[in-house]
Amino acid sequence: MRMTRTTSVLALTAAAAMLVGCASGTPDNPGGSGDEGDAPLYEVAENVDLEGSPTYDAMVEAGGITIGVKEDQPGLGYLDPVTGDRTGFDVDIARWIAASLGFSEDEITFQSIPSANREQAIVNGDIDYYVGTYSITDSRKEQIDFAGPYFVTGQGLLVGTDSDIASVDDLNADTIVCSVTGSTPIQNIRDNYPDVPTQEFATYSECVEGLLNDQVDAVTTDEAILIGYAAQDPDNLQVVGEPFSEERYGVGLPLGDDALRTFINDLFENDPDTWQAIYDANLGDSGVEGTQPEVDRY
């Protein structure tokens, strides 16, 4: 049994703020690194003409855009509880798309949506699109559409630095694995390792807190997410083993909005330099290789 790391839990949020505080753009510097004087990575488009997209028409009519995101994933999608700033690779991808559609930072409303509620939020029209470590799957494509993928990673394991777990092969009936409700990783564990007990929470930060407090033995999700948590608390957390799945992150869109999906796919394909700049600003020092994947125009 590991010693309870209550002190680490209390420090988790503060460390996250230090890790990602200067990563993303600000309203005055869209797409920049957050440092004064940095050139913006992209500009807000003017005279956008996107025909045949009911989602875009609704944005224009509303005079703004609502984007679903995560807010507890350092380096990807994080909300600083002190400053209120949103940072991360996914958040900046979402901003880039909005800017390309002609919407400035002050016309964006970010909405945090738990993993289990993402499809319903899109179907209900609560958000215009979703960018937040959203794995493209065939079952999800029955309810919504995806643009992208804009990033590919693999499922991994986060454990304590004193853990005997070195890879997924060490999971057994005595090891409790945690992930979020409705996520692809938790279903992968159930399908491929049915004897391994699982624990679900609404957010990954709750899983990490459970790991630090010895309520669970491992946290599983995409390595890009896990590395962010390990970087916050390297004395107590580590990513182990090799990835044991492929996760393709896409932009979740209303089903049948082919015009918007094509627009975003064109953006990804035609401007790889901006994609790379956003990646470098947010995840360049994470140890995760930054290679833009080919989009899937299904």
C-alpha atoms as a PDB file:
ATOM      1  CA  MET A   1       0.000   0.000   0.000  1.00  0.00           C
ATOM      2  CA  ARG A   2       1.366   3.396  -0.940  1.00  0.00           C
ATOM      3  CA  MET A   3       1.495   6.235   1.552  1.00  0.00           C
ATOM      4  CA  THR A   4      -1.359   8.701   1.098  1.00  0.00           C
ATOM      5  CA  ARG A   5      -0.197  11.820  -0.710  1.00  0.00           C
ATOM      6  CA  THR A   6      -2.668  14.406   0.556  1.00  0.00           C
ATOM      7  CA  THR A   7      -0.116  17.179   0.215  1.00  0.00           C
ATOM      8  CA  SER A   8       0.269  16.372  -3.485  1.00  0.00           C
ATOM      9  CA  VAL A   9      -3.479  16.589  -4.009  1.00  0.00           C
ATOM     10  CA  LEU A  10      -3.585  20.047  -2.450  1.00  0.00           C
ATOM     11  CA  ALA A  11      -0.732  21.183  -4.698  1.00  0.00           C
ATOM     12  CA  LEU A  12      -2.198  19.747  -7.913  1.00  0.00           C
ATOM     13  CA  THR A  13      -4.158  22.789  -9.041  1.00  0.00           C
ATOM     14  CA  ALA A  14      -1.397  25.266  -8.265  1.00  0.00           C
ATOM     15  CA  ALA A  15       1.137  23.170 -10.151  1.00  0.00           C
ATOM     16  CA  ALA A  16      -1.124  22.984 -13.171  1.00  0.00           C
ATOM     17  CA  ALA A  17      -1.359  26.740 -13.294  1.00  0.00           C
ATOM     18  CA  MET A  18       2.430  27.011 -13.276  1.00  0.00           C
ATOM     19  CA  LEU A  19       2.742  24.348 -15.974  1.00  0.00           C
ATOM     20  CA  VAL A  20       0.417  25.864 -18.528  1.00  0.00           C
ATOM     21  CA  GLY A  21      -0.030  29.476 -17.474  1.00  0.00           C
ATOM     22  CA  CYS A  22       1.874  30.930 -20.434  1.00  0.00           C
ATOM     23  CA  ALA A  23       0.966  28.391 -23.079  1.00  0.00           C
ATOM     24  CA  SER A  24      -1.996  29.779 -24.964  1.00  0.00           C
ATOM     25  CA  GLY A  25      -3.322  32.890 -26.579  1.00  0.00           C
ATOM     26  CA  THR A  26      -5.219  35.731 -24.960  1.00  0.00           C
ATOM     27  CA  PRO A  27      -7.994  38.006 -26.265  1.00  0.00           C
ATOM     28  CA  ASP A  28      -5.368  40.645 -27.077  1.00  0.00           C
ATOM     29  CA  ASN A  29      -3.012  38.169 -28.702  1.00  0.00           C
ATOM     30  CA  PRO A  30      -5.049  35.422 -30.407  1.00  0.00           C
ATOM     31  CA  GLY A  31      -3.036  32.303 -30.809  1.00  0.00           C
ATOM     32  CA  GLY A  32       0.109  33.840 -29.360  1.00  0.00           C
ATOM     33  CA  SER A  33       2.233  32.313 -26.648  1.00  0.00           C
ATOM     34  CA  GLY A  34       0.844  34.652 -24.035  1.00  0.00           C
ATOM     35  CA  ASP A  35       4.051  36.714 -23.836  1.00  0.00           C
ATOM     36  CA  GLU A  36       3.742  40.397 -24.557  1.00  0.00           C
ATOM     37  CA  GLY A  37       4.941  41.288 -28.025  1.00  0.00           C
ATOM     38  CA  ASP A  38       4.607  37.797 -29.512  1.00  0.00           C
ATOM     39  CA  ALA A  39       3.103  37.734 -32.986  1.00  0.00           C
ATOM     40  CA  PRO A  40      -0.320  36.045 -33.141  1.00  0.00           C
ATOM     41  CA  LEU A  41      -0.393  32.565 -34.639  1.00  0.00           C
ATOM     42  CA  TYR A  42      -3.543  33.321 -36.632  1.00  0.00           C
ATOM     43  CA  GLU A  43      -5.863  36.178 -37.468  1.00  0.00           C
ATOM     44  CA  VAL A  44      -9.624  36.499 -37.194  1.00  0.00           C
ATOM     45  CA  ALA A  45     -11.013  35.977 -40.698  1.00  0.00           C
ATOM     46  CA  GLU A  46     -13.203  38.565 -42.380  1.00  0.00           C
ATOM     47  CA  ASN A  47     -15.988  38.160 -44.933  1.00  0.00           C
ATOM     48  CA  VAL A  48     -16.416  34.440 -44.251  1.00  0.00           C
ATOM     49  CA  ASP A  49     -18.826  32.807 -46.683  1.00  0.00           C
ATOM     50  CA  LEU A  50     -19.810  29.322 -45.536  1.00  0.00           C
ATOM     51  CA  GLU A  51     -22.915  28.167 -47.344  1.00  0.00           C
ATOM     52  CA  GLY A  52     -24.924  25.107 -46.418  1.00  0.00           C
ATOM     53  CA  SER A  53     -23.958  24.919 -42.735  1.00  0.00           C
ATOM     54  CA  PRO A  54     -26.915  25.296 -40.362  1.00  0.00           C
ATOM     55  CA  THR A  55     -24.469  25.348 -37.442  1.00  0.00           C
ATOM     56  CA  TYR A  56     -22.578  28.302 -38.885  1.00  0.00           C
ATOM     57  CA  ASP A  57     -25.842  30.095 -39.708  1.00  0.00           C
ATOM     58  CA  ALA A  58     -26.900  29.703 -36.057  1.00  0.00           C
ATOM     59  CA  MET A  59     -23.548  31.130 -34.896  1.00  0.00           C
ATOM     60  CA  VAL A  60     -23.970  34.180 -37.111  1.00  0.00           C
ATOM     61  CA  GLU A  61     -27.533  34.711 -35.949  1.00  0.00           C
ATOM     62  CA  ALA A  62     -26.478  34.426 -32.304  1.00  0.00           C
ATOM     63  CA  GLY A  63     -23.524  36.756 -32.845  1.00  0.00           C
ATOM     64  CA  GLY A  64     -21.205  34.325 -31.124  1.00  0.00           C
ATOM     65  CA  ILE A  65     -19.990  30.767 -30.867  1.00  0.00           C
ATOM     66  CA  THR A  66     -20.277  28.199 -28.062  1.00  0.00           C
ATOM     67  CA  ILE A  67     -17.519  25.589 -27.870  1.00  0.00           C
ATOM     68  CA  GLY A  68     -17.442  22.510 -25.671  1.00  0.00           C
ATOM     69  CA  VAL A  69     -14.077  21.862 -24.004  1.00  0.00           C
ATOM     70  CA  LYS A  70     -12.341  20.141 -21.106  1.00  0.00           C
ATOM     71  CA  GLU A  71     -10.929  22.209 -18.273  1.00  0.00           C
ATOM     72  CA  ASP A  72      -8.948  19.787 -16.097  1.00  0.00           C
ATOM     73  CA  GLN A  73      -6.286  18.583 -18.544  1.00  0.00           C
ATOM     74  CA  PRO A  74      -3.021  20.549 -18.257  1.00  0.00           C
ATOM     75  CA  GLY A  75      -1.429  21.273 -21.629  1.00  0.00           C
ATOM     76  CA  LEU A  76      -4.618  20.307 -23.472  1.00  0.00           C
ATOM     77  CA  GLY A  77      -7.666  21.922 -21.904  1.00  0.00           C
ATOM     78  CA  TYR A  78      -7.236  23.689 -18.576  1.00  0.00           C
ATOM     79  CA  LEU A  79      -9.091  26.422 -16.688  1.00  0.00           C
ATOM     80  CA  ASP A  80      -6.944  28.304 -14.182  1.00  0.00           C
ATOM     81  CA  PRO A  81      -9.130  28.649 -11.068  1.00  0.00           C
ATOM     82  CA  VAL A  82      -7.266  31.793 -10.004  1.00  0.00           C
ATOM     83  CA  THR A  83      -7.046  33.816 -13.215  1.00  0.00           C
ATOM     84  CA  GLY A  84      -9.913  32.260 -15.161  1.00  0.00           C
ATOM     85  CA  ASP A  85      -7.642  31.813 -18.202  1.00  0.00           C
ATOM     86  CA  ARG A  86      -8.194  28.848 -20.475  1.00  0.00           C
ATOM     87  CA  THR A  87      -5.063  27.262 -21.921  1.00  0.00           C
ATOM     88  CA  GLY A  88      -3.992  24.177 -23.826  1.00  0.00           C
ATOM     89  CA  PHE A  89      -3.573  22.627 -27.242  1.00  0.00           C
ATOM     90  CA  ASP A  90      -7.237  21.654 -27.643  1.00  0.00           C
ATOM     91  CA  VAL A  91      -8.428  25.067 -26.482  1.00  0.00           C
ATOM     92  CA  ASP A  92      -6.174  26.819 -28.975  1.00  0.00           C
ATOM     93  CA  ILE A  93      -7.308  24.497 -31.769  1.00  0.00           C
ATOM     94  CA  ALA A  94     -10.870  25.502 -30.861  1.00  0.00           C
ATOM     95  CA  ARG A  95      -9.896  29.201 -30.928  1.00  0.00           C
ATOM     96  CA  TRP A  96      -8.160  28.788 -34.286  1.00  0.00           C
ATOM     97  CA  ILE A  97     -11.290  27.247 -35.811  1.00  0.00           C
ATOM     98  CA  ALA A  98     -13.450  30.030 -34.363  1.00  0.00           C
ATOM     99  CA  ALA A  99     -11.111  32.710 -35.724  1.00  0.00           C
ATOM    100  CA  SER A 100     -11.184  31.069 -39.161  1.00  0.00           C
ATOM    101  CA  LEU A 101     -14.981  31.252 -39.022  1.00  0.00           C
ATOM    102  CA  GLY A 102     -14.738  34.983 -38.262  1.00  0.00           C
ATOM    103  CA  PHE A 103     -15.295  34.963 -34.503  1.00  0.00           C
ATOM    104  CA  SER A 104     -12.981  36.859 -32.167  1.00  0.00           C
ATOM    105  CA  GLU A 105     -12.104  35.805 -28.625  1.00  0.00           C
ATOM    106  CA  ASP A 106     -14.787  37.978 -27.050  1.00  0.00           C
ATOM    107  CA  GLU A 107     -17.409  36.237 -29.210  1.00  0.00           C
ATOM    108  CA  ILE A 108     -16.504  32.765 -27.879  1.00  0.00           C
ATOM    109  CA  THR A 109     -18.291  31.087 -24.988  1.00  0.00           C
ATOM    110  CA  PHE A 110     -16.455  28.048 -23.653  1.00  0.00           C
ATOM    111  CA  GLN A 111     -18.541  25.392 -21.957  1.00  0.00           C
ATOM    112  CA  SER A 112     -17.077  22.497 -19.977  1.00  0.00           C
ATOM    113  CA  ILE A 113     -18.847  19.249 -20.903  1.00  0.00           C
ATOM    114  CA  PRO A 114     -18.158  15.919 -19.121  1.00  0.00           C
ATOM    115  CA  SER A 115     -17.126  13.071 -21.419  1.00  0.00           C
ATOM    116  CA  ALA A 116     -20.377  11.175 -20.917  1.00  0.00           C
ATOM    117  CA  ASN A 117     -22.462  14.155 -22.059  1.00  0.00           C
ATOM    118  CA  ARG A 118     -20.589  15.247 -25.170  1.00  0.00           C
ATOM    119  CA  GLU A 119     -22.742  13.651 -27.857  1.00  0.00           C
ATOM    120  CA  GLN A 120     -25.963  14.819 -26.220  1.00  0.00           C
ATOM    121  CA  ALA A 121     -24.676  18.386 -25.903  1.00  0.00           C
ATOM    122  CA  ILE A 122     -23.948  18.435 -29.645  1.00  0.00           C
ATOM    123  CA  VAL A 123     -27.247  16.776 -30.578  1.00  0.00           C
ATOM    124  CA  ASN A 124     -29.194  19.181 -28.363  1.00  0.00           C
ATOM    125  CA  GLY A 125     -27.469  22.203 -29.889  1.00  0.00           C
ATOM    126  CA  ASP A 126     -26.062  23.285 -26.516  1.00  0.00           C
ATOM    127  CA  ILE A 127     -22.668  23.790 -28.204  1.00  0.00           C
ATOM    128  CA  ASP A 128     -21.661  24.475 -31.791  1.00  0.00           C
ATOM    129  CA  TYR A 129     -18.713  22.088 -31.742  1.00  0.00           C
ATOM    130  CA  TYR A 130     -16.537  20.229 -29.243  1.00  0.00           C
ATOM    131  CA  VAL A 131     -12.745  20.134 -28.973  1.00  0.00           C
ATOM    132  CA  GLY A 132     -11.465  18.166 -25.990  1.00  0.00           C
ATOM    133  CA  THR A 133      -9.515  14.904 -26.366  1.00  0.00           C
ATOM    134  CA  TYR A 134     -12.561  13.533 -28.209  1.00  0.00           C
ATOM    135  CA  SER A 135     -11.695  10.153 -29.749  1.00  0.00           C
ATOM    136  CA  ILE A 136     -13.300   9.398 -33.112  1.00  0.00           C
ATOM    137  CA  THR A 137     -15.242   6.123 -32.956  1.00  0.00           C
ATOM    138  CA  ASP A 138     -17.779   4.431 -35.219  1.00  0.00           C
ATOM    139  CA  SER A 139     -20.408   4.345 -32.478  1.00  0.00           C
ATOM    140  CA  ARG A 140     -20.105   8.084 -31.892  1.00  0.00           C
ATOM    141  CA  LYS A 141     -20.364   8.749 -35.617  1.00  0.00           C
ATOM    142  CA  GLU A 142     -23.888   7.339 -35.472  1.00  0.00           C
ATOM    143  CA  GLN A 143     -24.921  10.413 -33.468  1.00  0.00           C
ATOM    144  CA  ILE A 144     -22.505  13.160 -34.533  1.00  0.00           C
ATOM    145  CA  ASP A 145     -19.879  13.973 -37.145  1.00  0.00           C
ATOM    146  CA  PHE A 146     -16.157  14.564 -36.698  1.00  0.00           C
ATOM    147  CA  ALA A 147     -13.683  16.833 -38.446  1.00  0.00           C
ATOM    148  CA  GLY A 148     -10.067  15.746 -38.292  1.00  0.00           C
ATOM    149  CA  PRO A 149      -8.384  13.959 -36.692  1.00  0.00           C
ATOM    150  CA  TYR A 150      -6.167  16.820 -35.583  1.00  0.00           C
ATOM    151  CA  PHE A 151      -4.079  14.702 -33.177  1.00  0.00           C
ATOM    152  CA  VAL A 152      -3.272  11.019 -32.643  1.00  0.00           C
ATOM    153  CA  THR A 153      -2.127   9.546 -29.351  1.00  0.00           C
ATOM    154  CA  GLY A 154      -2.374   6.221 -27.527  1.00  0.00           C
ATOM    155  CA  GLN A 155      -3.896   4.944 -24.320  1.00  0.00           C
ATOM    156  CA  GLY A 156      -1.445   4.650 -21.428  1.00  0.00           C
ATOM    157  CA  LEU A 157      -1.200   4.203 -17.669  1.00  0.00           C
ATOM    158  CA  LEU A 158      -0.434   6.674 -14.897  1.00  0.00           C
ATOM    159  CA  VAL A 159       0.709   5.123 -11.605  1.00  0.00           C
ATOM    160  CA  GLY A 160       2.545   6.093  -8.458  1.00  0.00           C
ATOM    161  CA  THR A 161       6.323   6.264  -8.591  1.00  0.00           C
ATOM    162  CA  ASP A 162       6.453   3.436  -6.048  1.00  0.00           C
ATOM    163  CA  SER A 163       3.987   1.236  -7.930  1.00  0.00           C
ATOM    164  CA  ASP A 164       4.778  -2.312  -9.073  1.00  0.00           C
ATOM    165  CA  ILE A 165       2.735  -1.716 -12.241  1.00  0.00           C
ATOM    166  CA  ALA A 166       5.115  -1.297 -15.182  1.00  0.00           C
ATOM    167  CA  SER A 167       2.738  -1.908 -18.092  1.00  0.00           C
ATOM    168  CA  VAL A 168      -0.801  -2.917 -18.926  1.00  0.00           C
ATOM    169  CA  ASP A 169       0.289  -6.555 -18.594  1.00  0.00           C
ATOM    170  CA  ASP A 170       0.624  -6.041 -14.828  1.00  0.00           C
ATOM    171  CA  LEU A 171      -3.058  -5.206 -14.377  1.00  0.00           C
ATOM    172  CA  ASN A 172      -5.022  -7.917 -12.592  1.00  0.00           C
ATOM    173  CA  ALA A 173      -8.008  -8.558 -10.339  1.00  0.00           C
ATOM    174  CA  ASP A 174      -6.255  -6.767  -7.472  1.00  0.00           C
ATOM    175  CA  THR A 175      -5.523  -3.530  -9.344  1.00  0.00           C
ATOM    176  CA  ILE A 176      -8.228  -0.882  -9.642  1.00  0.00           C
ATOM    177  CA  VAL A 177      -8.007   1.224 -12.802  1.00  0.00           C
ATOM    178  CA  CYS A 178      -9.707   4.615 -13.048  1.00  0.00           C
ATOM    179  CA  SER A 179     -10.940   6.659 -15.995  1.00  0.00           C
ATOM    180  CA  VAL A 180     -13.846   8.976 -16.728  1.00  0.00           C
ATOM    181  CA  THR A 181     -17.428   7.933 -17.305  1.00  0.00           C
ATOM    182  CA  GLY A 182     -18.281   7.512 -20.979  1.00  0.00           C
ATOM    183  CA  SER A 183     -14.660   7.538 -22.165  1.00  0.00           C
ATOM    184  CA  THR A 184     -13.089   5.230 -24.734  1.00  0.00           C
ATOM    185  CA  PRO A 185     -10.237   4.193 -22.366  1.00  0.00           C
ATOM    186  CA  ILE A 186     -12.534   2.815 -19.654  1.00  0.00           C
ATOM    187  CA  GLN A 187     -14.405   0.783 -22.273  1.00  0.00           C
ATOM    188  CA  ASN A 188     -11.110  -0.532 -23.675  1.00  0.00           C
ATOM    189  CA  ILE A 189     -10.172  -1.854 -20.237  1.00  0.00           C
ATOM    190  CA  ARG A 190     -13.548  -3.542 -19.812  1.00  0.00           C
ATOM    191  CA  ASP A 191     -13.442  -5.103 -23.269  1.00  0.00           C
ATOM    192  CA  ASN A 192      -9.834  -6.291 -23.266  1.00  0.00           C
ATOM    193  CA  TYR A 193      -9.121  -6.814 -19.543  1.00  0.00           C
ATOM    194  CA  PRO A 194     -12.482  -7.951 -18.128  1.00  0.00           C
ATOM    195  CA  ASP A 195     -10.974  -9.250 -14.862  1.00  0.00           C
ATOM    196  CA  VAL A 196      -9.539  -5.834 -13.963  1.00  0.00           C
ATOM    197  CA  PRO A 197     -11.825  -3.807 -11.659  1.00  0.00           C
ATOM    198  CA  THR A 198     -12.564  -0.249 -12.770  1.00  0.00           C
ATOM    199  CA  GLN A 199     -13.533   2.989 -11.089  1.00  0.00           C
ATOM    200  CA  GLU A 200     -15.262   5.839 -12.905  1.00  0.00           C
ATOM    201  CA  PHE A 201     -15.306   9.549 -12.106  1.00  0.00           C
ATOM    202  CA  ALA A 202     -16.646  12.532 -14.023  1.00  0.00           C
ATOM    203  CA  THR A 203     -13.185  14.059 -14.570  1.00  0.00           C
ATOM    204  CA  TYR A 204      -9.594  12.879 -14.910  1.00  0.00           C
ATOM    205  CA  SER A 205      -8.497  15.130 -12.064  1.00  0.00           C
ATOM    206  CA  GLU A 206     -10.745  13.101  -9.740  1.00  0.00           C
ATOM    207  CA  CYS A 207      -9.040   9.923 -10.953  1.00  0.00           C
ATOM    208  CA  VAL A 208      -5.626  11.435 -10.277  1.00  0.00           C
ATOM    209  CA  GLU A 209      -6.734  12.492  -6.814  1.00  0.00           C
ATOM    210  CA  GLY A 210      -7.941   8.924  -6.226  1.00  0.00           C
ATOM    211  CA  LEU A 211      -4.539   7.623  -7.292  1.00  0.00           C
ATOM    212  CA  LEU A 212      -2.699   9.979  -4.959  1.00  0.00           C
ATOM    213  CA  ASN A 213      -5.002   8.986  -2.092  1.00  0.00           C
ATOM    214  CA  ASP A 214      -4.626   5.211  -2.752  1.00  0.00           C
ATOM    215  CA  GLN A 215      -8.258   4.747  -3.776  1.00  0.00           C
ATOM    216  CA  VAL A 216      -7.161   3.378  -7.164  1.00  0.00           C
ATOM    217  CA  ASP A 217      -3.943   1.798  -8.462  1.00  0.00           C
ATOM    218  CA  ALA A 218      -3.735   3.328 -11.929  1.00  0.00           C
ATOM    219  CA  VAL A 219      -5.333   5.961 -14.133  1.00  0.00           C
ATOM    220  CA  THR A 220      -5.804   5.202 -17.804  1.00  0.00           C
ATOM    221  CA  THR A 221      -6.468   7.562 -20.670  1.00  0.00           C
ATOM    222  CA  ASP A 222      -4.515   9.035 -23.551  1.00  0.00           C
ATOM    223  CA  GLU A 223      -0.797   9.499 -22.924  1.00  0.00           C
ATOM    224  CA  ALA A 224      -0.987  13.161 -23.907  1.00  0.00           C
ATOM    225  CA  ILE A 225      -3.259  13.757 -20.904  1.00  0.00           C
ATOM    226  CA  LEU A 226      -1.291  11.569 -18.502  1.00  0.00           C
ATOM    227  CA  ILE A 227       2.032  13.231 -19.271  1.00  0.00           C
ATOM    228  CA  GLY A 228       0.541  16.558 -18.233  1.00  0.00           C
ATOM    229  CA  TYR A 229      -0.392  15.183 -14.826  1.00  0.00           C
ATOM    230  CA  ALA A 230       2.966  13.440 -14.362  1.00  0.00           C
ATOM    231  CA  ALA A 231       4.741  16.707 -15.154  1.00  0.00           C
ATOM    232  CA  GLN A 232       2.862  18.408 -12.294  1.00  0.00           C
ATOM    233  CA  ASP A 233       3.976  15.904  -9.661  1.00  0.00           C
ATOM    234  CA  PRO A 234       6.977  13.866 -10.883  1.00  0.00           C
ATOM    235  CA  ASP A 235       7.887  12.819  -7.347  1.00  0.00           C
ATOM    236  CA  ASN A 236       4.659  10.855  -7.011  1.00  0.00           C
ATOM    237  CA  LEU A 237       3.335  10.185 -10.527  1.00  0.00           C
ATOM    238  CA  GLN A 238       4.761   8.478 -13.605  1.00  0.00           C
ATOM    239  CA  VAL A 239       3.569   7.207 -16.984  1.00  0.00           C
ATOM    240  CA  VAL A 240       4.569   3.569 -17.548  1.00  0.00           C
ATOM    241  CA  GLY A 241       4.621   1.065 -20.408  1.00  0.00           C
ATOM    242  CA  GLU A 242       3.880   1.521 -24.084  1.00  0.00           C
ATOM    243  CA  PRO A 243       0.590   2.830 -25.538  1.00  0.00           C
ATOM    244  CA  PHE A 244      -1.890   0.001 -26.019  1.00  0.00           C
ATOM    245  CA  SER A 245      -4.403   1.658 -28.316  1.00  0.00           C
ATOM    246  CA  GLU A 246      -4.664   4.420 -30.895  1.00  0.00           C
ATOM    247  CA  GLU A 247      -6.827   7.417 -30.101  1.00  0.00           C
ATOM    248  CA  ARG A 248      -7.655   9.861 -32.901  1.00  0.00           C
ATOM    249  CA  TYR A 249      -8.871  13.219 -31.612  1.00  0.00           C
ATOM    250  CA  GLY A 250     -11.556  14.891 -33.685  1.00  0.00           C
ATOM    251  CA  VAL A 251     -13.747  17.984 -33.570  1.00  0.00           C
ATOM    252  CA  GLY A 252     -17.274  16.925 -32.657  1.00  0.00           C
ATOM    253  CA  LEU A 253     -19.943  18.465 -34.921  1.00  0.00           C
ATOM    254  CA  PRO A 254     -23.689  18.141 -35.481  1.00  0.00           C
ATOM    255  CA  LEU A 255     -24.515  15.120 -37.616  1.00  0.00           C
ATOM    256  CA  GLY A 256     -24.943  15.941 -41.297  1.00  0.00           C
ATOM    257  CA  ASP A 257     -23.253  19.361 -41.277  1.00  0.00           C
ATOM    258  CA  ASP A 258     -20.953  18.432 -44.140  1.00  0.00           C
ATOM    259  CA  ALA A 259     -20.193  22.058 -45.001  1.00  0.00           C
ATOM    260  CA  LEU A 260     -18.733  22.818 -41.574  1.00  0.00           C
ATOM    261  CA  ARG A 261     -16.857  19.518 -41.444  1.00  0.00           C
ATOM    262  CA  THR A 262     -15.312  20.217 -44.862  1.00  0.00           C
ATOM    263  CA  PHE A 263     -14.401  23.772 -43.815  1.00  0.00           C
ATOM    264  CA  ILE A 264     -12.521  22.562 -40.711  1.00  0.00           C
ATOM    265  CA  ASN A 265     -10.812  19.719 -42.587  1.00  0.00           C
ATOM    266  CA  ASP A 266      -9.666  22.216 -45.230  1.00  0.00           C
ATOM    267  CA  LEU A 267      -8.306  24.447 -42.474  1.00  0.00           C
ATOM    268  CA  PHE A 268      -6.252  21.600 -41.006  1.00  0.00           C
ATOM    269  CA  GLU A 269      -4.923  20.512 -44.393  1.00  0.00           C
ATOM    270  CA  ASN A 270      -4.144  23.954 -45.781  1.00  0.00           C
ATOM    271  CA  ASP A 271      -2.399  25.479 -42.762  1.00  0.00           C
ATOM    272  CA  PRO A 272      -0.030  22.929 -41.168  1.00  0.00           C
ATOM    273  CA  ASP A 273       2.280  25.707 -39.963  1.00  0.00           C
ATOM    274  CA  THR A 274      -0.376  27.091 -37.637  1.00  0.00           C
ATOM    275  CA  TRP A 275      -1.149  23.603 -36.333  1.00  0.00           C
ATOM    276  CA  GLN A 276       2.544  23.084 -35.569  1.00  0.00           C
ATOM    277  CA  ALA A 277       2.872  26.473 -33.877  1.00  0.00           C
ATOM    278  CA  ILE A 278      -0.121  25.731 -31.639  1.00  0.00           C
ATOM    279  CA  TYR A 279       1.323  22.335 -30.783  1.00  0.00           C
ATOM    280  CA  ASP A 280       4.777  23.709 -30.008  1.00  0.00           C
ATOM    281  CA  ALA A 281       3.342  26.450 -27.774  1.00  0.00           C
ATOM    282  CA  ASN A 282       1.347  23.990 -25.687  1.00  0.00           C
ATOM    283  CA  LEU A 283       2.925  20.529 -25.878  1.00  0.00           C
ATOM    284  CA  GLY A 284       6.339  21.108 -27.376  1.00  0.00           C
ATOM    285  CA  ASP A 285       8.100  20.348 -24.089  1.00  0.00           C
ATOM    286  CA  SER A 286       5.869  17.436 -23.067  1.00  0.00           C
ATOM    287  CA  GLY A 287       7.857  14.620 -24.676  1.00  0.00           C
ATOM    288  CA  VAL A 288       4.929  13.677 -26.927  1.00  0.00           C
ATOM    289  CA  GLU A 289       5.916  13.856 -30.592  1.00  0.00           C
ATOM    290  CA  GLY A 290       3.983  16.498 -32.498  1.00  0.00           C
ATOM    291  CA  THR A 291       3.044  15.205 -35.943  1.00  0.00           C
ATOM    292  CA  GLN A 292      -0.125  16.449 -37.575  1.00  0.00           C
ATOM    293  CA  PRO A 293      -2.199  13.495 -38.811  1.00  0.00           C
ATOM    294  CA  GLU A 294      -3.975  13.224 -42.141  1.00  0.00           C
ATOM    295  CA  VAL A 295      -7.639  14.173 -41.965  1.00  0.00           C
ATOM    296  CA  ASP A 296     -10.307  11.574 -42.638  1.00  0.00           C
ATOM    297  CA  ARG A 297     -12.885  12.826 -45.135  1.00  0.00           C
ATOM    298  CA  TYR A 298     -15.300   9.968 -44.529  1.00  0.00           C
END
